[in-house]
N, C-alpha and C. Protein backbone atom coordinates (compact mmCIF):
# COMPACT_ATOMS: atom_id res chain seq x y z
N UNK A 1 -65.71 -35.16 -152.14
CA UNK A 1 -65.88 -34.78 -153.73
C UNK A 1 -67.01 -34.59 -154.28
N UNK A 2 -67.16 -34.19 -155.31
CA UNK A 2 -68.40 -34.03 -156.40
C UNK A 2 -67.80 -34.52 -157.67
N UNK A 3 -68.70 -35.19 -158.32
CA UNK A 3 -68.43 -35.71 -160.00
C UNK A 3 -69.73 -35.30 -160.62
N UNK A 4 -68.74 -34.11 -161.78
CA UNK A 4 -69.74 -33.77 -162.69
C UNK A 4 -69.57 -34.36 -164.15
N UNK A 5 -70.51 -34.42 -165.08
CA UNK A 5 -70.34 -34.69 -166.24
C UNK A 5 -70.12 -33.88 -167.27
N UNK A 6 -69.64 -32.30 -166.71
CA UNK A 6 -68.77 -31.48 -167.35
C UNK A 6 -67.61 -31.79 -167.72
N UNK A 7 -66.88 -31.31 -168.63
CA UNK A 7 -65.34 -31.46 -168.91
C UNK A 7 -64.75 -30.84 -167.89
N UNK A 8 -63.62 -31.25 -167.49
CA UNK A 8 -62.44 -31.05 -166.48
C UNK A 8 -62.47 -29.32 -165.91
N UNK A 9 -62.52 -28.95 -167.44
CA UNK A 9 -62.18 -27.40 -167.09
C UNK A 9 -63.33 -26.61 -166.49
N UNK A 10 -64.66 -26.73 -166.98
CA UNK A 10 -65.83 -26.34 -166.50
C UNK A 10 -65.98 -26.87 -165.25
N UNK A 11 -65.76 -27.99 -164.47
CA UNK A 11 -65.66 -28.41 -163.28
C UNK A 11 -64.63 -27.66 -162.51
N UNK A 12 -63.78 -27.49 -163.01
CA UNK A 12 -62.92 -26.91 -162.12
C UNK A 12 -63.46 -25.59 -161.77
N UNK A 13 -63.75 -24.78 -163.19
CA UNK A 13 -64.28 -23.19 -162.64
C UNK A 13 -65.55 -23.30 -162.14
N UNK A 14 -66.25 -24.33 -162.00
CA UNK A 14 -67.57 -24.29 -161.19
C UNK A 14 -67.21 -24.17 -159.89
N UNK A 15 -66.23 -25.08 -159.58
CA UNK A 15 -65.60 -24.97 -158.06
C UNK A 15 -65.12 -23.75 -157.79
N UNK A 16 -64.56 -23.13 -158.42
CA UNK A 16 -63.80 -21.78 -158.00
C UNK A 16 -65.13 -20.69 -158.02
N UNK A 17 -66.11 -20.81 -158.93
CA UNK A 17 -67.21 -19.90 -158.85
C UNK A 17 -67.96 -20.04 -157.76
N UNK A 18 -68.11 -21.29 -157.39
CA UNK A 18 -69.21 -21.39 -156.29
C UNK A 18 -68.08 -21.64 -154.80
N UNK A 19 -67.01 -21.45 -154.67
CA UNK A 19 -66.49 -21.26 -153.70
C UNK A 19 -66.10 -22.96 -152.93
N UNK A 20 -66.20 -24.18 -153.47
CA UNK A 20 -66.38 -25.36 -153.25
C UNK A 20 -65.24 -25.89 -152.26
N UNK A 21 -65.41 -26.09 -151.11
CA UNK A 21 -64.37 -26.77 -150.48
C UNK A 21 -63.70 -28.10 -150.68
N UNK A 22 -64.10 -28.48 -151.62
CA UNK A 22 -64.00 -29.97 -152.24
C UNK A 22 -63.78 -30.11 -153.84
N UNK A 23 -62.94 -30.96 -154.09
CA UNK A 23 -62.62 -31.49 -155.40
C UNK A 23 -64.05 -31.66 -156.37
N UNK A 24 -64.09 -31.21 -157.26
CA UNK A 24 -65.03 -31.44 -158.07
C UNK A 24 -64.62 -32.15 -159.67
N UNK A 25 -64.54 -33.13 -159.46
CA UNK A 25 -64.04 -34.27 -160.77
C UNK A 25 -65.10 -34.17 -161.87
N UNK A 26 -64.29 -34.40 -163.18
CA UNK A 26 -64.94 -34.56 -164.42
C UNK A 26 -65.26 -36.05 -164.55
N UNK A 27 -66.64 -36.44 -165.11
CA UNK A 27 -67.12 -37.64 -165.69
C UNK A 27 -67.79 -37.50 -166.84
N UNK A 28 -67.13 -36.79 -168.16
CA UNK A 28 -67.52 -36.56 -169.32
C UNK A 28 -67.89 -37.60 -170.26
N UNK A 29 -67.33 -38.57 -169.83
CA UNK A 29 -67.38 -39.98 -170.68
C UNK A 29 -68.60 -40.74 -170.00
N UNK A 30 -69.13 -40.07 -168.71
CA UNK A 30 -70.53 -40.78 -168.11
C UNK A 30 -69.98 -42.15 -167.48
N UNK A 31 -68.83 -42.49 -167.46
CA UNK A 31 -68.61 -43.96 -167.27
C UNK A 31 -68.79 -44.30 -165.48
N UNK A 32 -68.34 -43.69 -164.91
CA UNK A 32 -68.52 -43.49 -163.54
C UNK A 32 -70.12 -43.60 -162.85
N UNK A 33 -71.11 -42.32 -163.43
CA UNK A 33 -72.37 -42.82 -162.86
C UNK A 33 -72.96 -43.50 -163.78
N UNK A 34 -72.61 -44.24 -164.57
CA UNK A 34 -73.37 -45.28 -165.45
C UNK A 34 -73.08 -46.68 -164.49
N UNK A 35 -71.47 -46.63 -164.20
CA UNK A 35 -71.33 -47.82 -163.55
C UNK A 35 -72.12 -47.85 -161.84
N UNK A 36 -72.43 -46.70 -161.68
CA UNK A 36 -73.11 -46.58 -160.20
C UNK A 36 -74.53 -46.79 -160.43
N UNK A 37 -74.95 -46.70 -161.79
CA UNK A 37 -76.34 -46.60 -161.69
C UNK A 37 -76.96 -45.55 -161.73
N UNK A 38 -76.41 -44.52 -161.53
CA UNK A 38 -77.24 -43.28 -161.40
C UNK A 38 -77.50 -42.32 -162.54
N UNK A 39 -77.28 -42.78 -163.53
CA UNK A 39 -77.38 -42.24 -165.15
C UNK A 39 -78.74 -41.52 -165.15
N UNK A 40 -79.19 -40.48 -165.45
CA UNK A 40 -80.08 -40.10 -165.72
C UNK A 40 -80.29 -39.44 -167.16
N UNK A 41 -80.95 -40.42 -168.13
CA UNK A 41 -80.40 -39.99 -169.78
C UNK A 41 -81.82 -39.12 -169.87
N UNK A 42 -82.49 -38.77 -169.52
CA UNK A 42 -83.68 -37.92 -169.57
C UNK A 42 -83.40 -36.34 -169.50
N UNK A 43 -82.35 -36.26 -168.56
CA UNK A 43 -82.00 -35.06 -168.23
C UNK A 43 -80.61 -34.22 -169.17
N UNK A 44 -80.60 -33.39 -170.21
CA UNK A 44 -79.31 -32.94 -170.50
C UNK A 44 -78.53 -33.72 -171.05
N UNK A 45 -79.01 -34.74 -171.95
CA UNK A 45 -78.38 -35.56 -172.83
C UNK A 45 -77.38 -36.64 -171.69
N UNK A 46 -78.12 -36.77 -170.63
CA UNK A 46 -77.67 -37.65 -169.79
C UNK A 46 -76.74 -37.34 -168.54
N UNK A 47 -77.29 -36.80 -167.35
CA UNK A 47 -76.71 -36.39 -166.29
C UNK A 47 -76.89 -37.37 -165.00
N UNK A 48 -75.94 -37.06 -164.24
CA UNK A 48 -76.61 -37.98 -162.61
C UNK A 48 -77.52 -37.72 -162.13
N UNK A 49 -78.35 -38.61 -161.79
CA UNK A 49 -79.04 -38.38 -160.23
C UNK A 49 -78.60 -37.53 -159.62
N UNK A 50 -79.06 -36.65 -158.41
CA UNK A 50 -78.28 -36.05 -157.63
C UNK A 50 -77.98 -37.22 -156.31
N UNK A 51 -76.89 -37.69 -156.12
CA UNK A 51 -76.96 -38.77 -155.13
C UNK A 51 -75.62 -38.25 -154.50
N UNK A 52 -75.95 -38.64 -153.13
CA UNK A 52 -74.73 -38.91 -152.03
C UNK A 52 -74.36 -40.45 -151.36
N UNK A 53 -72.87 -40.60 -151.64
CA UNK A 53 -72.61 -41.66 -151.27
C UNK A 53 -71.32 -41.29 -150.52
N UNK A 54 -71.31 -42.24 -149.20
CA UNK A 54 -70.65 -42.21 -148.02
C UNK A 54 -69.97 -43.37 -148.17
N UNK A 55 -68.83 -43.29 -147.89
CA UNK A 55 -67.73 -44.60 -147.90
C UNK A 55 -67.28 -44.34 -146.66
N UNK A 56 -66.78 -45.66 -146.33
CA UNK A 56 -65.98 -45.89 -145.25
C UNK A 56 -64.55 -45.94 -145.69
N UNK A 57 -63.30 -46.27 -144.65
CA UNK A 57 -61.92 -46.11 -144.77
C UNK A 57 -61.47 -47.14 -145.73
N UNK A 58 -62.23 -48.23 -145.80
CA UNK A 58 -61.74 -49.55 -146.77
C UNK A 58 -62.67 -49.23 -148.29
N UNK A 59 -63.52 -48.09 -148.37
CA UNK A 59 -63.99 -47.59 -149.72
C UNK A 59 -65.39 -48.53 -150.13
N UNK A 60 -66.00 -49.07 -149.03
CA UNK A 60 -67.37 -49.63 -149.09
C UNK A 60 -68.23 -48.65 -149.17
N UNK A 61 -69.22 -48.41 -149.52
CA UNK A 61 -70.23 -47.49 -149.58
C UNK A 61 -71.40 -48.04 -148.16
N UNK A 62 -71.33 -47.30 -147.35
CA UNK A 62 -72.17 -47.10 -146.10
C UNK A 62 -73.34 -46.58 -145.97
N UNK A 63 -73.43 -45.42 -147.05
CA UNK A 63 -74.71 -44.73 -147.01
C UNK A 63 -74.71 -44.50 -148.60
N UNK A 64 -76.23 -44.43 -149.07
CA UNK A 64 -76.41 -44.02 -150.49
C UNK A 64 -77.68 -43.44 -150.48
N UNK A 65 -78.05 -41.97 -151.20
CA UNK A 65 -79.09 -41.74 -151.40
C UNK A 65 -78.76 -41.23 -153.06
N UNK A 66 -80.08 -41.56 -153.37
CA UNK A 66 -80.27 -40.88 -155.07
C UNK A 66 -81.64 -40.41 -155.05
N UNK A 67 -81.45 -38.91 -155.57
CA UNK A 67 -82.43 -38.00 -155.60
C UNK A 67 -83.03 -38.59 -156.87
N UNK A 68 -84.31 -38.00 -157.23
CA UNK A 68 -85.17 -37.77 -158.38
C UNK A 68 -85.14 -36.43 -159.07
N UNK A 69 -84.59 -35.48 -158.49
CA UNK A 69 -84.65 -34.14 -158.89
C UNK A 69 -83.64 -33.19 -158.53
N UNK A 70 -82.88 -31.97 -158.88
CA UNK A 70 -81.95 -31.60 -158.01
C UNK A 70 -82.05 -31.08 -156.65
N UNK A 71 -83.46 -30.48 -156.46
CA UNK A 71 -83.80 -30.38 -154.88
C UNK A 71 -83.74 -31.51 -153.97
N UNK A 72 -83.99 -32.99 -154.52
CA UNK A 72 -84.43 -34.20 -153.63
C UNK A 72 -83.27 -34.36 -153.12
N UNK A 73 -82.62 -33.96 -151.81
CA UNK A 73 -81.43 -34.25 -151.46
C UNK A 73 -81.87 -34.36 -149.90
N UNK A 74 -80.98 -35.16 -148.97
CA UNK A 74 -81.40 -35.11 -147.50
C UNK A 74 -80.76 -34.01 -146.89
N UNK A 75 -81.23 -33.90 -145.69
CA UNK A 75 -80.93 -32.30 -144.58
C UNK A 75 -79.43 -32.55 -144.73
N UNK A 76 -78.80 -31.75 -144.35
CA UNK A 76 -77.10 -31.73 -143.85
C UNK A 76 -77.18 -32.42 -142.65
N UNK A 77 -77.99 -32.41 -141.90
CA UNK A 77 -77.91 -32.99 -140.49
C UNK A 77 -78.12 -34.72 -140.78
N UNK A 78 -78.47 -35.09 -141.40
CA UNK A 78 -78.64 -36.37 -141.87
C UNK A 78 -77.36 -37.09 -142.39
N UNK A 79 -76.90 -36.26 -143.36
CA UNK A 79 -75.31 -36.58 -143.83
C UNK A 79 -74.46 -36.50 -142.60
N UNK A 80 -74.63 -35.89 -141.85
CA UNK A 80 -73.34 -35.35 -140.98
C UNK A 80 -73.70 -36.51 -139.82
N UNK A 81 -75.23 -36.83 -139.57
CA UNK A 81 -75.27 -38.22 -138.45
C UNK A 81 -74.84 -39.47 -139.12
N UNK A 82 -74.85 -39.77 -140.62
CA UNK A 82 -74.71 -40.75 -140.96
C UNK A 82 -72.92 -40.99 -140.93
N UNK A 83 -72.34 -39.97 -141.31
CA UNK A 83 -70.67 -39.86 -141.40
C UNK A 83 -70.30 -40.14 -140.11
N UNK A 84 -71.25 -39.70 -138.78
CA UNK A 84 -70.48 -39.79 -137.33
C UNK A 84 -71.03 -41.53 -136.95
N UNK A 85 -71.92 -41.96 -137.45
CA UNK A 85 -72.38 -43.51 -137.33
C UNK A 85 -71.04 -44.16 -137.97
N UNK A 86 -70.79 -43.74 -139.04
CA UNK A 86 -69.88 -44.71 -139.97
C UNK A 86 -68.08 -44.89 -138.81
N UNK A 87 -68.19 -43.52 -138.58
CA UNK A 87 -66.85 -43.15 -137.70
C UNK A 87 -66.85 -43.39 -136.27
N UNK A 88 -68.44 -44.04 -135.89
CA UNK A 88 -68.14 -44.47 -134.48
C UNK A 88 -68.30 -43.18 -133.27
N UNK A 89 -68.71 -42.03 -133.86
CA UNK A 89 -68.99 -41.00 -133.26
C UNK A 89 -70.39 -40.95 -132.45
N UNK A 90 -70.68 -40.31 -131.55
CA UNK A 90 -72.12 -40.16 -131.02
C UNK A 90 -72.65 -38.96 -131.50
């Protein structure tokens, strides 16, 4: 899933427009991104730093990456490898 600070209606339409195969949730009051410490107050009246959280089945954060700008993200292969590690796959 993804979380956006946009209103739910905009987040939904963004998902439709981009063809996202995952749920895009709204955090328009910024409570979630603030509680996770990823609020970037300097951008657009406060948006999240681009972040990737991978949780295990118990809901524990097993991998966390917080980028400094929208293009600062780990490669897809790194994310897939981390999911495999968590699931015990090789």
